[in-house]
C-alpha atoms as a PDB file:
ATOM      1  CA  MET A   1     278.053  62.199 147.079  1.00  0.00           C
ATOM      2  CA  ILE A   2     280.553  59.758 145.616  1.00  0.00           C
ATOM      3  CA  ILE A   3     279.917  59.103 141.924  1.00  0.00           C
ATOM      4  CA  TYR A   4     282.965  56.985 141.073  1.00  0.00           C
ATOM      5  CA  SER A   5     285.692  55.415 143.134  1.00  0.00           C
ATOM      6  CA  ALA A   6     288.871  53.648 142.118  1.00  0.00           C
ATOM      7  CA  GLU A   7     291.383  51.464 143.860  1.00  0.00           C
ATOM      8  CA  VAL A   8     294.514  49.620 142.878  1.00  0.00           C
ATOM      9  CA  GLN A   9     295.363  46.392 144.647  1.00  0.00           C
ATOM     10  CA  GLU A  10     298.638  44.502 144.486  1.00  0.00           C
ATOM     11  CA  ALA A  11     298.959  40.764 145.005  1.00  0.00           C
ATOM     12  CA  GLU A  12     302.040  38.747 144.141  1.00  0.00           C
ATOM     13  CA  GLY A  13     303.430  41.533 141.963  1.00  0.00           C
ATOM     14  CA  ARG A  14     300.238  41.898 139.902  1.00  0.00           C
ATOM     15  CA  TYR A  15     298.086  45.022 139.986  1.00  0.00           C
ATOM     16  CA  THR A  16     294.319  45.141 139.639  1.00  0.00           C
ATOM     17  CA  LEU A  17     292.447  48.400 139.032  1.00  0.00           C
ATOM     18  CA  THR A  18     288.836  48.409 140.195  1.00  0.00           C
ATOM     19  CA  ILE A  19     286.433  51.211 139.241  1.00  0.00           C
ATOM     20  CA  THR A  20     283.033  51.455 140.933  1.00  0.00           C
ATOM     21  CA  ASP A  21     280.166  53.499 139.487  1.00  0.00           C
ATOM     22  CA  HIS A  22     278.102  54.268 142.580  1.00  0.00           C
ATOM     23  CA  ARG A  23     275.201  55.714 140.586  1.00  0.00           C
ATOM     24  CA  LEU A  24     274.670  52.474 138.676  1.00  0.00           C
ATOM     25  CA  SER A  25     276.050  50.154 141.385  1.00  0.00           C
ATOM     26  CA  THR A  26     278.448  48.541 138.928  1.00  0.00           C
ATOM     27  CA  THR A  27     282.080  47.542 139.312  1.00  0.00           C
ATOM     28  CA  GLN A  28     284.680  46.836 136.654  1.00  0.00           C
ATOM     29  CA  SER A  29     288.161  45.418 137.211  1.00  0.00           C
ATOM     30  CA  ALA A  30     291.185  45.025 134.998  1.00  0.00           C
ATOM     31  CA  GLU A  31     294.748  43.892 135.518  1.00  0.00           C
ATOM     32  CA  VAL A  32     297.152  46.730 134.767  1.00  0.00           C
ATOM     33  CA  PRO A  33     300.911  46.683 134.247  1.00  0.00           C
ATOM     34  CA  PRO A  34     303.177  48.301 136.861  1.00  0.00           C
ATOM     35  CA  HIS A  35     304.207  51.171 134.551  1.00  0.00           C
ATOM     36  CA  MET A  36     300.561  52.276 134.342  1.00  0.00           C
ATOM     37  CA  VAL A  37     300.255  52.217 138.113  1.00  0.00           C
ATOM     38  CA  ASP A  38     303.356  54.420 138.288  1.00  0.00           C
ATOM     39  CA  GLN A  39     301.655  56.958 135.989  1.00  0.00           C
ATOM     40  CA  ILE A  40     298.556  57.445 138.183  1.00  0.00           C
ATOM     41  CA  PRO A  41     299.978  60.541 139.965  1.00  0.00           C
ATOM     42  CA  MET A  42     300.695  62.145 136.563  1.00  0.00           C
ATOM     43  CA  VAL A  43     297.142  61.435 135.368  1.00  0.00           C
ATOM     44  CA  LEU A  44     295.739  63.041 138.530  1.00  0.00           C
ATOM     45  CA  GLN A  45     297.907  66.114 137.964  1.00  0.00           C
ATOM     46  CA  MET A  46     296.624  66.385 134.390  1.00  0.00           C
ATOM     47  CA  LEU A  47     293.015  66.211 135.636  1.00  0.00           C
ATOM     48  CA  ARG A  48     293.730  69.026 138.079  1.00  0.00           C
ATOM     49  CA  MET A  49     295.081  71.176 135.241  1.00  0.00           C
ATOM     50  CA  VAL A  50     291.978  70.604 133.080  1.00  0.00           C
ATOM     51  CA  GLY A  51     289.547  71.400 135.906  1.00  0.00           C
END
């Protein structure tokens, strides 16, 4: 069962992060700077280390 999902979309050099909470059927979006998008693989690696 999917609890949360996330996606990053790029349009005209701008990035939008969208997080969906499938339990509550809610979605939140925020524009994020490119350097944060570049850090996503590092954040995933950190989550793997904690788990």
